[in-house]
Every structure is written in structure tokens, then in C-alpha cells.
PDB file of N, CA and C in Angstrom:
ATOM      1  N   MET A   1     -16.858 -89.196  -1.725  1.00  0.00           N
ATOM      2  CA  MET A   1     -17.561 -87.909  -1.912  1.00  0.00           C
ATOM      3  C   MET A   1     -16.512 -87.169  -2.934  1.00  0.00           C
ATOM      4  N   PHE A   2     -17.128 -86.574  -3.911  1.00  0.00           N
ATOM      5  CA  PHE A   2     -16.682 -85.717  -4.839  1.00  0.00           C
ATOM      6  C   PHE A   2     -16.998 -84.289  -4.583  1.00  0.00           C
ATOM      7  N   VAL A   3     -16.021 -83.382  -4.384  1.00  0.00           N
ATOM      8  CA  VAL A   3     -16.344 -81.938  -4.190  1.00  0.00           C
ATOM      9  C   VAL A   3     -15.630 -81.120  -5.339  1.00  0.00           C
ATOM     10  N   CYS A   4     -16.579 -80.382  -5.964  1.00  0.00           N
ATOM     11  CA  CYS A   4     -16.213 -79.583  -7.148  1.00  0.00           C
ATOM     12  C   CYS A   4     -15.433 -78.341  -6.453  1.00  0.00           C
ATOM     13  N   ILE A   5     -14.099 -78.326  -6.894  1.00  0.00           N
ATOM     14  CA  ILE A   5     -13.263 -77.110  -6.231  1.00  0.00           C
ATOM     15  C   ILE A   5     -13.354 -75.938  -7.173  1.00  0.00           C
ATOM     16  N   THR A   6     -13.807 -76.096  -8.332  1.00  0.00           N
ATOM     17  CA  THR A   6     -13.809 -74.863  -9.313  1.00  0.00           C
ATOM     18  C   THR A   6     -15.279 -74.147  -9.202  1.00  0.00           C
ATOM     19  N   CYS A   7     -16.347 -74.645  -8.500  1.00  0.00           N
ATOM     20  CA  CYS A   7     -17.462 -73.990  -8.431  1.00  0.00           C
ATOM     21  C   CYS A   7     -17.170 -72.562  -7.728  1.00  0.00           C
ATOM     22  N   ARG A   8     -18.085 -71.710  -8.371  1.00  0.00           N
ATOM     23  CA  ARG A   8     -18.083 -70.440  -7.698  1.00  0.00           C
ATOM     24  C   ARG A   8     -19.299 -70.199  -6.818  1.00  0.00           C
ATOM     25  N   ALA A   9     -19.501 -69.240  -6.017  1.00  0.00           N
ATOM     26  CA  ALA A   9     -20.642 -69.189  -5.297  1.00  0.00           C
ATOM     27  C   ALA A   9     -21.874 -68.981  -6.223  1.00  0.00           C
ATOM     28  N   GLN A  10     -23.071 -69.388  -5.866  1.00  0.00           N
ATOM     29  CA  GLN A  10     -24.077 -69.330  -6.592  1.00  0.00           C
ATOM     30  C   GLN A  10     -24.720 -67.929  -7.110  1.00  0.00           C
ATOM     31  N   ALA A  11     -24.345 -66.927  -6.247  1.00  0.00           N
ATOM     32  CA  ALA A  11     -24.818 -65.733  -6.685  1.00  0.00           C
ATOM     33  C   ALA A  11     -23.817 -64.939  -7.652  1.00  0.00           C
ATOM     34  N   GLY A  12     -22.900 -65.688  -8.157  1.00  0.00           N
ATOM     35  CA  GLY A  12     -21.879 -65.131  -9.111  1.00  0.00           C
ATOM     36  C   GLY A  12     -20.680 -64.582  -8.481  1.00  0.00           C
ATOM     37  N   GLU A  13     -20.000 -65.437  -7.760  1.00  0.00           N
ATOM     38  CA  GLU A  13     -18.669 -65.016  -7.220  1.00  0.00           C
ATOM     39  C   GLU A  13     -17.723 -64.461  -8.028  1.00  0.00           C
ATOM     40  N   ASN A  14     -17.109 -63.471  -7.652  1.00  0.00           N
ATOM     41  CA  ASN A  14     -15.970 -62.778  -8.504  1.00  0.00           C
ATOM     42  C   ASN A  14     -14.790 -62.783  -7.724  1.00  0.00           C
ATOM     43  N   THR A  15     -14.128 -63.958  -7.717  1.00  0.00           N
ATOM     44  CA  THR A  15     -12.917 -63.897  -6.955  1.00  0.00           C
ATOM     45  C   THR A  15     -11.602 -63.807  -7.764  1.00  0.00           C
ATOM     46  N   SER A  16     -10.564 -63.234  -7.159  1.00  0.00           N
ATOM     47  CA  SER A  16      -9.388 -62.939  -7.790  1.00  0.00           C
ATOM     48  C   SER A  16      -8.614 -64.227  -7.786  1.00  0.00           C
ATOM     49  N   ASP A  17      -7.438 -64.310  -8.568  1.00  0.00           N
ATOM     50  CA  ASP A  17      -6.859 -65.622  -8.675  1.00  0.00           C
ATOM     51  C   ASP A  17      -6.147 -65.937  -7.296  1.00  0.00           C
ATOM     52  N   ASP A  18      -5.901 -64.934  -6.428  1.00  0.00           N
ATOM     53  CA  ASP A  18      -5.247 -65.344  -5.192  1.00  0.00           C
ATOM     54  C   ASP A  18      -6.197 -65.836  -4.083  1.00  0.00           C
ATOM     55  N   GLN A  19      -7.463 -65.779  -4.530  1.00  0.00           N
ATOM     56  CA  GLN A  19      -8.444 -66.312  -3.386  1.00  0.00           C
ATOM     57  C   GLN A  19      -9.143 -67.576  -3.885  1.00  0.00           C
ATOM     58  N   PRO A  20      -9.326 -68.468  -3.005  1.00  0.00           N
ATOM     59  CA  PRO A  20     -10.013 -69.780  -3.363  1.00  0.00           C
ATOM     60  C   PRO A  20     -11.397 -69.465  -3.738  1.00  0.00           C
ATOM     61  N   ARG A  21     -11.883 -70.248  -4.608  1.00  0.00           N
ATOM     62  CA  ARG A  21     -13.348 -70.361  -5.122  1.00  0.00           C
ATOM     63  C   ARG A  21     -14.260 -70.883  -3.881  1.00  0.00           C
ATOM     64  N   ALA A  22     -15.444 -70.760  -4.099  1.00  0.00           N
ATOM     65  CA  ALA A  22     -16.344 -71.325  -3.074  1.00  0.00           C
ATOM     66  C   ALA A  22     -16.195 -72.727  -2.996  1.00  0.00           C
ATOM     67  N   GLY A  23     -15.983 -73.491  -4.114  1.00  0.00           N
ATOM     68  CA  GLY A  23     -15.822 -74.882  -4.138  1.00  0.00           C
ATOM     69  C   GLY A  23     -14.738 -75.451  -3.215  1.00  0.00           C
ATOM     70  N   ALA A  24     -13.559 -74.771  -3.495  1.00  0.00           N
ATOM     71  CA  ALA A  24     -12.327 -75.142  -2.775  1.00  0.00           C
ATOM     72  C   ALA A  24     -12.467 -74.745  -1.324  1.00  0.00           C
ATOM     73  N   ARG A  25     -13.336 -73.627  -0.885  1.00  0.00           N
ATOM     74  CA  ARG A  25     -13.615 -73.355   0.462  1.00  0.00           C
ATOM     75  C   ARG A  25     -14.656 -74.589   1.143  1.00  0.00           C
ATOM     76  N   LEU A  26     -15.564 -75.008   0.314  1.00  0.00           N
ATOM     77  CA  LEU A  26     -16.319 -76.083   0.780  1.00  0.00           C
ATOM     78  C   LEU A  26     -15.471 -77.223   1.137  1.00  0.00           C
ATOM     79  N   LEU A  27     -14.573 -77.637   0.208  1.00  0.00           N
ATOM     80  CA  LEU A  27     -13.615 -78.790   0.549  1.00  0.00           C
ATOM     81  C   LEU A  27     -12.877 -78.691   1.772  1.00  0.00           C
ATOM     82  N   ALA A  28     -12.425 -77.460   1.915  1.00  0.00           N
ATOM     83  CA  ALA A  28     -11.629 -77.035   3.095  1.00  0.00           C
ATOM     84  C   ALA A  28     -12.440 -77.205   4.358  1.00  0.00           C
ATOM     85  N   ALA A  29     -13.669 -76.692   4.224  1.00  0.00           N
ATOM     86  CA  ALA A  29     -14.562 -76.798   5.468  1.00  0.00           C
ATOM     87  C   ALA A  29     -14.922 -78.419   5.820  1.00  0.00           C
ATOM     88  N   ILE A  30     -15.013 -79.246   4.748  1.00  0.00           N
ATOM     89  CA  ILE A  30     -15.305 -80.491   5.067  1.00  0.00           C
ATOM     90  C   ILE A  30     -14.093 -81.328   5.538  1.00  0.00           C
ATOM     91  N   GLU A  31     -12.903 -81.031   4.964  1.00  0.00           N
ATOM     92  CA  GLU A  31     -11.633 -81.629   5.490  1.00  0.00           C
ATOM     93  C   GLU A  31     -11.195 -80.996   6.962  1.00  0.00           C
ATOM     94  N   ALA A  32     -11.837 -79.954   7.320  1.00  0.00           N
ATOM     95  CA  ALA A  32     -11.582 -79.408   8.631  1.00  0.00           C
ATOM     96  C   ALA A  32     -12.260 -80.123   9.687  1.00  0.00           C
ATOM     97  N   VAL A  33     -13.272 -80.988   9.340  1.00  0.00           N
ATOM     98  CA  VAL A  33     -13.964 -81.722  10.290  1.00  0.00           C
ATOM     99  C   VAL A  33     -13.071 -82.815  10.840  1.00  0.00           C
ATOM    100  N   PRO A  34     -12.993 -82.959  12.036  1.00  0.00           N
ATOM    101  CA  PRO A  34     -12.028 -84.140  12.594  1.00  0.00           C
ATOM    102  C   PRO A  34     -12.468 -85.530  11.797  1.00  0.00           C
ATOM    103  N   SER A  35     -11.468 -86.199  11.581  1.00  0.00           N
ATOM    104  CA  SER A  35     -11.668 -87.648  10.804  1.00  0.00           C
ATOM    105  C   SER A  35     -12.398 -88.540  11.517  1.00  0.00           C
ATOM    106  N   GLU A  36     -12.481 -88.365  12.937  1.00  0.00           N
ATOM    107  CA  GLU A  36     -13.275 -89.339  13.583  1.00  0.00           C
ATOM    108  C   GLU A  36     -14.865 -89.192  13.339  1.00  0.00           C
ATOM    109  N   LEU A  37     -15.112 -88.003  12.930  1.00  0.00           N
ATOM    110  CA  LEU A  37     -16.569 -87.615  12.554  1.00  0.00           C
ATOM    111  C   LEU A  37     -16.808 -87.856  11.017  1.00  0.00           C
ATOM    112  N   ARG A  38     -15.873 -88.443  10.399  1.00  0.00           N
ATOM    113  CA  ARG A  38     -16.037 -88.637   8.979  1.00  0.00           C
ATOM    114  C   ARG A  38     -15.317 -89.906   8.585  1.00  0.00           C
ATOM    115  N   PRO A  39     -15.559 -91.003   9.435  1.00  0.00           N
ATOM    116  CA  PRO A  39     -14.761 -92.231   9.284  1.00  0.00           C
ATOM    117  C   PRO A  39     -15.058 -92.911   8.012  1.00  0.00           C
ATOM    118  N   SER A  40     -14.010 -93.546   7.252  1.00  0.00           N
ATOM    119  CA  SER A  40     -14.019 -94.114   6.171  1.00  0.00           C
ATOM    120  C   SER A  40     -14.637 -93.459   4.836  1.00  0.00           C
ATOM    121  N   LEU A  41     -14.562 -92.199   5.142  1.00  0.00           N
ATOM    122  CA  LEU A  41     -15.207 -91.172   4.012  1.00  0.00           C
ATOM    123  C   LEU A  41     -14.228 -90.586   3.241  1.00  0.00           C
ATOM    124  N   ALA A  42     -13.960 -90.981   2.018  1.00  0.00           N
ATOM    125  CA  ALA A  42     -13.123 -90.466   1.045  1.00  0.00           C
ATOM    126  C   ALA A  42     -13.619 -89.082   0.382  1.00  0.00           C
ATOM    127  N   VAL A  43     -12.824 -88.200   0.409  1.00  0.00           N
ATOM    128  CA  VAL A  43     -13.268 -86.811   0.060  1.00  0.00           C
ATOM    129  C   VAL A  43     -12.276 -86.525  -0.981  1.00  0.00           C
ATOM    130  N   VAL A  44     -12.762 -86.367  -2.264  1.00  0.00           N
ATOM    131  CA  VAL A  44     -11.897 -86.276  -3.554  1.00  0.00           C
ATOM    132  C   VAL A  44     -12.336 -84.840  -4.019  1.00  0.00           C
ATOM    133  N   PRO A  45     -11.220 -83.983  -4.214  1.00  0.00           N
ATOM    134  CA  PRO A  45     -11.549 -82.805  -5.018  1.00  0.00           C
ATOM    135  C   PRO A  45     -11.532 -83.117  -6.709  1.00  0.00           C
ATOM    136  N   VAL A  46     -12.500 -82.455  -7.247  1.00  0.00           N
ATOM    137  CA  VAL A  46     -12.550 -82.613  -8.780  1.00  0.00           C
ATOM    138  C   VAL A  46     -12.674 -81.318  -9.379  1.00  0.00           C
ATOM    139  N   GLU A  47     -12.406 -81.196 -10.626  1.00  0.00           N
ATOM    140  CA  GLU A  47     -12.408 -79.942 -11.225  1.00  0.00           C
ATOM    141  C   GLU A  47     -13.636 -79.349 -11.711  1.00  0.00           C
ATOM    142  N   CYS A  48     -14.557 -80.280 -12.102  1.00  0.00           N
ATOM    143  CA  CYS A  48     -15.972 -79.810 -12.290  1.00  0.00           C
ATOM    144  C   CYS A  48     -16.925 -80.856 -12.371  1.00  0.00           C
ATOM    145  N   LEU A  49     -18.094 -80.522 -11.916  1.00  0.00           N
ATOM    146  CA  LEU A  49     -19.295 -81.506 -11.763  1.00  0.00           C
ATOM    147  C   LEU A  49     -20.499 -81.011 -12.615  1.00  0.00           C
ATOM    148  N   SER A  50     -20.249 -79.897 -13.405  1.00  0.00           N
ATOM    149  CA  SER A  50     -21.132 -79.436 -14.502  1.00  0.00           C
ATOM    150  C   SER A  50     -22.487 -79.065 -13.792  1.00  0.00           C
ATOM    151  N   ASN A  51     -22.541 -78.445 -12.799  1.00  0.00           N
ATOM    152  CA  ASN A  51     -23.679 -77.943 -12.102  1.00  0.00           C
ATOM    153  C   ASN A  51     -23.422 -76.444 -11.830  1.00  0.00           C
ATOM    154  N   CYS A  52     -23.049 -75.745 -12.823  1.00  0.00           N
ATOM    155  CA  CYS A  52     -22.631 -74.301 -12.387  1.00  0.00           C
ATOM    156  C   CYS A  52     -23.710 -73.496 -11.956  1.00  0.00           C
ATOM    157  N   ASN A  53     -24.905 -73.724 -12.473  1.00  0.00           N
ATOM    158  CA  ASN A  53     -26.053 -72.861 -12.224  1.00  0.00           C
ATOM    159  C   ASN A  53     -26.447 -73.111 -10.729  1.00  0.00           C
ATOM    160  N   ARG A  54     -26.100 -74.188 -10.141  1.00  0.00           N
ATOM    161  CA  ARG A  54     -26.615 -74.381  -8.701  1.00  0.00           C
ATOM    162  C   ARG A  54     -25.333 -74.756  -7.872  1.00  0.00           C
ATOM    163  N   ALA A  55     -24.145 -74.137  -8.214  1.00  0.00           N
ATOM    164  CA  ALA A  55     -22.971 -74.401  -7.335  1.00  0.00           C
ATOM    165  C   ALA A  55     -23.250 -73.871  -5.956  1.00  0.00           C
ATOM    166  N   CYS A  56     -22.304 -74.351  -5.031  1.00  0.00           N
ATOM    167  CA  CYS A  56     -21.229 -75.287  -4.940  1.00  0.00           C
ATOM    168  C   CYS A  56     -21.781 -76.806  -4.957  1.00  0.00           C
ATOM    169  N   THR A  57     -21.151 -77.741  -5.524  1.00  0.00           N
ATOM    170  CA  THR A  57     -21.765 -78.897  -5.768  1.00  0.00           C
ATOM    171  C   THR A  57     -20.906 -80.144  -5.329  1.00  0.00           C
ATOM    172  N   VAL A  58     -21.496 -81.080  -4.731  1.00  0.00           N
ATOM    173  CA  VAL A  58     -20.776 -82.329  -4.404  1.00  0.00           C
ATOM    174  C   VAL A  58     -21.567 -83.473  -4.812  1.00  0.00           C
ATOM    175  N   ALA A  59     -20.818 -84.700  -5.060  1.00  0.00           N
ATOM    176  CA  ALA A  59     -21.512 -85.976  -5.558  1.00  0.00           C
ATOM    177  C   ALA A  59     -21.183 -86.923  -4.338  1.00  0.00           C
ATOM    178  N   VAL A  60     -22.141 -87.690  -3.828  1.00  0.00           N
ATOM    179  CA  VAL A  60     -22.043 -88.583  -2.835  1.00  0.00           C
ATOM    180  C   VAL A  60     -22.139 -90.007  -3.409  1.00  0.00           C
ATOM    181  N   THR A  61     -21.232 -90.815  -3.485  1.00  0.00           N
ATOM    182  CA  THR A  61     -21.285 -91.957  -4.098  1.00  0.00           C
ATOM    183  C   THR A  61     -20.562 -93.181  -3.374  1.00  0.00           C
ATOM    184  N   ALA A  62     -20.790 -94.308  -3.779  1.00  0.00           N
ATOM    185  CA  ALA A  62     -19.991 -95.438  -3.271  1.00  0.00           C
ATOM    186  C   ALA A  62     -20.261 -96.702  -4.296  1.00  0.00           C
ATOM    187  N   PRO A  63     -19.447 -97.647  -4.246  1.00  0.00           N
ATOM    188  CA  PRO A  63     -19.633 -98.835  -5.299  1.00  0.00           C
ATOM    189  C   PRO A  63     -20.962 -99.480  -4.861  1.00  0.00           C
ATOM    190  N   GLY A  64     -21.675 -99.788  -5.793  1.00  0.00           N
ATOM    191  CA  GLY A  64     -22.910-100.482  -5.656  1.00  0.00           C
ATOM    192  C   GLY A  64     -24.081 -99.748  -5.111  1.00  0.00           C
ATOM    193  N   LYS A  65     -23.897 -98.393  -4.903  1.00  0.00           N
ATOM    194  CA  LYS A  65     -24.933 -97.540  -4.338  1.00  0.00           C
ATOM    195  C   LYS A  65     -25.217 -96.586  -5.250  1.00  0.00           C
ATOM    196  N   TRP A  66     -26.497 -95.878  -5.015  1.00  0.00           N
ATOM    197  CA  TRP A  66     -27.032 -94.684  -5.749  1.00  0.00           C
ATOM    198  C   TRP A  66     -26.116 -93.588  -5.459  1.00  0.00           C
ATOM    199  N   THR A  67     -25.937 -92.625  -6.503  1.00  0.00           N
ATOM    200  CA  THR A  67     -25.138 -91.506  -6.244  1.00  0.00           C
ATOM    201  C   THR A  67     -26.027 -90.295  -6.276  1.00  0.00           C
ATOM    202  N   TYR A  68     -25.781 -89.417  -5.371  1.00  0.00           N
ATOM    203  CA  TYR A  68     -26.598 -88.263  -5.175  1.00  0.00           C
ATOM    204  C   TYR A  68     -25.716 -87.058  -5.506  1.00  0.00           C
ATOM    205  N   VAL A  69     -26.267 -86.055  -6.309  1.00  0.00           N
ATOM    206  CA  VAL A  69     -25.561 -84.836  -6.579  1.00  0.00           C
ATOM    207  C   VAL A  69     -26.399 -83.791  -5.820  1.00  0.00           C
ATOM    208  N   LEU A  70     -25.522 -82.999  -5.026  1.00  0.00           N
ATOM    209  CA  LEU A  70     -26.135 -81.930  -4.167  1.00  0.00           C
ATOM    210  C   LEU A  70     -25.580 -80.644  -4.518  1.00  0.00           C
ATOM    211  N   GLY A  71     -26.499 -79.648  -4.722  1.00  0.00           N
ATOM    212  CA  GLY A  71     -26.097 -78.324  -5.082  1.00  0.00           C
ATOM    213  C   GLY A  71     -26.537 -77.270  -4.272  1.00  0.00           C
ATOM    214  N   ALA A  72     -26.176 -76.046  -4.783  1.00  0.00           N
ATOM    215  CA  ALA A  72     -26.544 -74.722  -4.069  1.00  0.00           C
ATOM    216  C   ALA A  72     -26.012 -74.740  -2.642  1.00  0.00           C
ATOM    217  N   LEU A  73     -24.876 -75.102  -2.376  1.00  0.00           N
ATOM    218  CA  LEU A  73     -24.276 -75.425  -1.166  1.00  0.00           C
ATOM    219  C   LEU A  73     -23.413 -74.050  -0.745  1.00  0.00           C
ATOM    220  N   ASP A  74     -23.566 -73.724   0.572  1.00  0.00           N
ATOM    221  CA  ASP A  74     -22.802 -72.486   0.937  1.00  0.00           C
ATOM    222  C   ASP A  74     -21.577 -73.160   1.816  1.00  0.00           C
ATOM    223  N   PRO A  75     -20.282 -72.753   1.370  1.00  0.00           N
ATOM    224  CA  PRO A  75     -19.153 -73.316   2.067  1.00  0.00           C
ATOM    225  C   PRO A  75     -18.999 -72.992   3.457  1.00  0.00           C
ATOM    226  N   ASP A  76     -19.712 -71.985   3.756  1.00  0.00           N
ATOM    227  CA  ASP A  76     -19.547 -71.320   5.170  1.00  0.00           C
ATOM    228  C   ASP A  76     -20.670 -72.016   6.054  1.00  0.00           C
ATOM    229  N   VAL A  77     -21.585 -72.659   5.450  1.00  0.00           N
ATOM    230  CA  VAL A  77     -22.736 -73.033   6.151  1.00  0.00           C
ATOM    231  C   VAL A  77     -22.955 -74.625   6.028  1.00  0.00           C
ATOM    232  N   HIS A  78     -22.871 -75.168   4.960  1.00  0.00           N
ATOM    233  CA  HIS A  78     -23.365 -76.566   4.748  1.00  0.00           C
ATOM    234  C   HIS A  78     -22.494 -77.759   4.633  1.00  0.00           C
ATOM    235  N   ALA A  79     -21.198 -77.533   5.320  1.00  0.00           N
ATOM    236  CA  ALA A  79     -20.306 -78.756   5.445  1.00  0.00           C
ATOM    237  C   ALA A  79     -20.942 -79.770   6.316  1.00  0.00           C
ATOM    238  N   GLN A  80     -21.348 -79.409   7.428  1.00  0.00           N
ATOM    239  CA  GLN A  80     -21.979 -80.387   8.297  1.00  0.00           C
ATOM    240  C   GLN A  80     -23.273 -81.174   7.774  1.00  0.00           C
ATOM    241  N   ASP A  81     -23.955 -80.397   6.966  1.00  0.00           N
ATOM    242  CA  ASP A  81     -25.157 -81.076   6.293  1.00  0.00           C
ATOM    243  C   ASP A  81     -24.787 -82.074   5.331  1.00  0.00           C
ATOM    244  N   VAL A  82     -23.699 -81.798   4.436  1.00  0.00           N
ATOM    245  CA  VAL A  82     -22.999 -82.762   3.459  1.00  0.00           C
ATOM    246  C   VAL A  82     -22.460 -83.918   4.243  1.00  0.00           C
ATOM    247  N   LEU A  83     -21.705 -83.738   5.409  1.00  0.00           N
ATOM    248  CA  LEU A  83     -21.319 -84.814   6.008  1.00  0.00           C
ATOM    249  C   LEU A  83     -22.424 -85.752   6.726  1.00  0.00           C
ATOM    250  N   ALA A  84     -23.387 -85.180   7.256  1.00  0.00           N
ATOM    251  CA  ALA A  84     -24.345 -85.793   7.785  1.00  0.00           C
ATOM    252  C   ALA A  84     -25.183 -86.757   6.814  1.00  0.00           C
ATOM    253  N   PHE A  85     -25.472 -86.198   5.574  1.00  0.00           N
ATOM    254  CA  PHE A  85     -25.963 -86.894   4.490  1.00  0.00           C
ATOM    255  C   PHE A  85     -25.101 -88.135   4.045  1.00  0.00           C
ATOM    256  N   ALA A  86     -23.861 -87.793   3.998  1.00  0.00           N
ATOM    257  CA  ALA A  86     -22.855 -88.726   3.437  1.00  0.00           C
ATOM    258  C   ALA A  86     -22.829 -89.904   4.455  1.00  0.00           C
ATOM    259  N   ARG A  87     -22.889 -89.703   5.927  1.00  0.00           N
ATOM    260  CA  ARG A  87     -22.905 -90.667   6.833  1.00  0.00           C
ATOM    261  C   ARG A  87     -24.210 -91.619   6.592  1.00  0.00           C
ATOM    262  N   LEU A  88     -25.435 -90.985   6.489  1.00  0.00           N
ATOM    263  CA  LEU A  88     -26.629 -91.764   6.131  1.00  0.00           C
ATOM    264  C   LEU A  88     -26.439 -92.541   4.892  1.00  0.00           C
ATOM    265  N   HIS A  89     -25.966 -91.978   3.730  1.00  0.00           N
ATOM    266  CA  HIS A  89     -25.761 -92.913   2.618  1.00  0.00           C
ATOM    267  C   HIS A  89     -24.785 -94.066   2.792  1.00  0.00           C
ATOM    268  N   GLN A  90     -23.734 -93.784   3.617  1.00  0.00           N
ATOM    269  CA  GLN A  90     -22.877 -94.867   3.975  1.00  0.00           C
ATOM    270  C   GLN A  90     -23.565 -96.077   4.659  1.00  0.00           C
ATOM    271  N   GLN A  91     -24.530 -95.721   5.527  1.00  0.00           N
ATOM    272  CA  GLN A  91     -25.140 -96.637   6.375  1.00  0.00           C
ATOM    273  C   GLN A  91     -26.265 -97.386   5.818  1.00  0.00           C
ATOM    274  N   HIS A  92     -26.812 -96.918   4.576  1.00  0.00           N
ATOM    275  CA  HIS A  92     -27.768 -97.557   3.954  1.00  0.00           C
ATOM    276  C   HIS A  92     -27.219 -98.514   2.973  1.00  0.00           C
ATOM    277  N   GLU A  93     -27.744 -99.805   2.977  1.00  0.00           N
ATOM    278  CA  GLU A  93     -27.113-100.822   1.962  1.00  0.00           C
ATOM    279  C   GLU A  93     -27.086-100.410   0.528  1.00  0.00           C
ATOM    280  N   ALA A  94     -28.139 -99.655   0.109  1.00  0.00           N
ATOM    281  CA  ALA A  94     -28.315 -99.299  -1.391  1.00  0.00           C
ATOM    282  C   ALA A  94     -27.813 -97.850  -1.472  1.00  0.00           C
ATOM    283  N   GLY A  95     -27.497 -97.171  -0.458  1.00  0.00           N
ATOM    284  CA  GLY A  95     -27.259 -95.621  -0.589  1.00  0.00           C
ATOM    285  C   GLY A  95     -28.535 -94.804  -0.786  1.00  0.00           C
ATOM    286  N   LEU A  96     -29.572 -95.191  -0.209  1.00  0.00           N
ATOM    287  CA  LEU A  96     -30.747 -94.555  -0.290  1.00  0.00           C
ATOM    288  C   LEU A  96     -31.373 -94.221   1.122  1.00  0.00           C
ATOM    289  N   PRO A  97     -30.837 -93.297   1.736  1.00  0.00           N
ATOM    290  CA  PRO A  97     -31.239 -92.817   2.960  1.00  0.00           C
ATOM    291  C   PRO A  97     -32.736 -92.344   2.996  1.00  0.00           C
ATOM    292  N   ALA A  98     -33.355 -92.555   4.015  1.00  0.00           N
ATOM    293  CA  ALA A  98     -34.784 -91.938   4.026  1.00  0.00           C
ATOM    294  C   ALA A  98     -34.961 -90.558   3.914  1.00  0.00           C
ATOM    295  N   TRP A  99     -35.849 -90.110   3.113  1.00  0.00           N
ATOM    296  CA  TRP A  99     -35.997 -88.674   2.814  1.00  0.00           C
ATOM    297  C   TRP A  99     -36.056 -87.858   4.117  1.00  0.00           C
ATOM    298  N   ARG A 100     -36.876 -88.111   4.934  1.00  0.00           N
ATOM    299  CA  ARG A 100     -37.151 -87.510   6.239  1.00  0.00           C
ATOM    300  C   ARG A 100     -35.788 -87.319   7.166  1.00  0.00           C
ATOM    301  N   GLU A 101     -34.989 -88.287   6.991  1.00  0.00           N
ATOM    302  CA  GLU A 101     -33.867 -88.404   7.918  1.00  0.00           C
ATOM    303  C   GLU A 101     -32.699 -87.438   7.222  1.00  0.00           C
ATOM    304  N   ARG A 102     -32.865 -87.122   6.101  1.00  0.00           N
ATOM    305  CA  ARG A 102     -31.700 -86.293   5.491  1.00  0.00           C
ATOM    306  C   ARG A 102     -31.801 -84.778   6.041  1.00  0.00           C
ATOM    307  N   PRO A 103     -30.720 -84.175   6.120  1.00  0.00           N
ATOM    308  CA  PRO A 103     -30.797 -82.777   6.440  1.00  0.00           C
ATOM    309  C   PRO A 103     -31.678 -82.029   5.593  1.00  0.00           C
ATOM    310  N   GLU A 104     -32.596 -80.979   6.352  1.00  0.00           N
ATOM    311  CA  GLU A 104     -33.696 -80.315   5.488  1.00  0.00           C
ATOM    312  C   GLU A 104     -32.964 -79.579   4.245  1.00  0.00           C
ATOM    313  N   TYR A 105     -31.829 -78.941   4.347  1.00  0.00           N
ATOM    314  CA  TYR A 105     -31.238 -78.212   3.282  1.00  0.00           C
ATOM    315  C   TYR A 105     -31.002 -79.118   2.065  1.00  0.00           C
ATOM    316  N   ILE A 106     -30.311 -80.310   2.430  1.00  0.00           N
ATOM    317  CA  ILE A 106     -30.101 -81.394   1.428  1.00  0.00           C
ATOM    318  C   ILE A 106     -31.358 -81.886   0.793  1.00  0.00           C
ATOM    319  N   ARG A 107     -32.424 -82.168   1.526  1.00  0.00           N
ATOM    320  CA  ARG A 107     -33.654 -82.586   0.814  1.00  0.00           C
ATOM    321  C   ARG A 107     -34.121 -81.555  -0.227  1.00  0.00           C
ATOM    322  N   LYS A 108     -33.874 -80.384   0.037  1.00  0.00           N
ATOM    323  CA  LYS A 108     -34.398 -79.173  -0.824  1.00  0.00           C
ATOM    324  C   LYS A 108     -33.485 -79.073  -2.070  1.00  0.00           C
ATOM    325  N   ASN A 109     -32.064 -79.407  -1.935  1.00  0.00           N
ATOM    326  CA  ASN A 109     -31.087 -79.084  -2.792  1.00  0.00           C
ATOM    327  C   ASN A 109     -30.441 -80.394  -3.453  1.00  0.00           C
ATOM    328  N   THR A 110     -31.158 -81.425  -3.543  1.00  0.00           N
ATOM    329  CA  THR A 110     -30.638 -82.613  -4.223  1.00  0.00           C
ATOM    330  C   THR A 110     -30.935 -82.371  -5.652  1.00  0.00           C
ATOM    331  N   ILE A 111     -29.784 -82.336  -6.532  1.00  0.00           N
ATOM    332  CA  ILE A 111     -29.886 -82.041  -8.046  1.00  0.00           C
ATOM    333  C   ILE A 111     -30.303 -83.252  -8.768  1.00  0.00           C
ATOM    334  N   ALA A 112     -29.667 -84.354  -8.424  1.00  0.00           N
ATOM    335  CA  ALA A 112     -29.907 -85.633  -9.054  1.00  0.00           C
ATOM    336  C   ALA A 112     -29.642 -86.803  -8.219  1.00  0.00           C
ATOM    337  N   ARG A 113     -30.421 -87.952  -8.472  1.00  0.00           N
ATOM    338  CA  ARG A 113     -30.147 -89.158  -7.851  1.00  0.00           C
ATOM    339  C   ARG A 113     -29.852 -90.101  -8.975  1.00  0.00           C
ATOM    340  N   VAL A 114     -28.823 -90.807  -8.983  1.00  0.00           N
ATOM    341  CA  VAL A 114     -28.378 -91.694 -10.085  1.00  0.00           C
ATOM    342  C   VAL A 114     -28.330 -93.121  -9.687  1.00  0.00           C
ATOM    343  N   PRO A 115     -28.860 -94.126 -10.271  1.00  0.00           N
ATOM    344  CA  PRO A 115     -28.794 -95.448  -9.870  1.00  0.00           C
ATOM    345  C   PRO A 115     -27.282 -96.064  -9.892  1.00  0.00           C
ATOM    346  N   ALA A 116     -27.149 -97.066  -8.976  1.00  0.00           N
ATOM    347  CA  ALA A 116     -25.771 -97.720  -9.181  1.00  0.00           C
ATOM    348  C   ALA A 116     -25.686 -98.448 -10.478  1.00  0.00           C
ATOM    349  N   THR A 117     -24.377 -98.513 -11.030  1.00  0.00           N
ATOM    350  CA  THR A 117     -24.196 -99.117 -12.279  1.00  0.00           C
ATOM    351  C   THR A 117     -24.415-100.729 -12.059  1.00  0.00           C
ATOM    352  N   LEU A 118     -24.804-101.168 -13.190  1.00  0.00           N
ATOM    353  CA  LEU A 118     -25.046-102.683 -13.218  1.00  0.00           C
ATOM    354  C   LEU A 118     -23.613-103.281 -13.544  1.00  0.00           C
ATOM    355  N   ALA A 119     -23.320-104.395 -12.782  1.00  0.00           N
ATOM    356  CA  ALA A 119     -22.082-105.169 -12.992  1.00  0.00           C
ATOM    357  C   ALA A 119     -22.029-105.929 -14.201  1.00  0.00           C
TER     358      ALA A 119
END
């Protein structure tokens, strides 16, 4: 999973240099979840996912699987939804979890679904 750490809050966050941006806070919230609740899930901070209009943004991906870009995430509310979706993504052979199984907020805030690359 890639988490944009440069994302500002969707409403136009105005943070000073000494305060973490919303994307960095989302990363911290995800990393604060005990590792046994996110087994074999690599969480990688990235500088930008180019989804500024619907920030905070994460991309959930794995080799040979579809990639999902999720946006409009609140770092104080949606870390568990993101992790629940990532677990569903991991469990599905092609990375295509059933729509109805996804957390409701994720269903409504999926920005893009990108096919796996061809080898």
C-alpha cells in the first residue's frame, strides 16, 4: 500500500511547517494499528499520488493484481476502512474484492481501478 504523505486535508488544510499534513497523519494512523492486524502488508510513504482534489489518498496494489486508488480519506476516521479493504485485496487472487464486501466509505471513494500489468 502506498500512502501519500504530502496530501493536505480535502477541505484545504492550512498547516504550518511544524505540523504534519493529513497524509502523514493517515500514514501514522495506519502504522499505529498493531502489526498482527495488518500481516504481510507493506505500507510505503510516497511524496505524491496526484489526487490533490480528493486527498488524502492511498493506492492498494500487489504484484499481478489490480491496483485501487482510494481518496477523500480522513486520517482521523478511515485508517481501519483502508486496512479492511487492503486485507480483502490481499485475499482475492486478482485483487478484485467483491464490491459489497468493501467498507462503505471505500465503495464511495474509489478514485480508480487499474488492471495488473502484463508480464
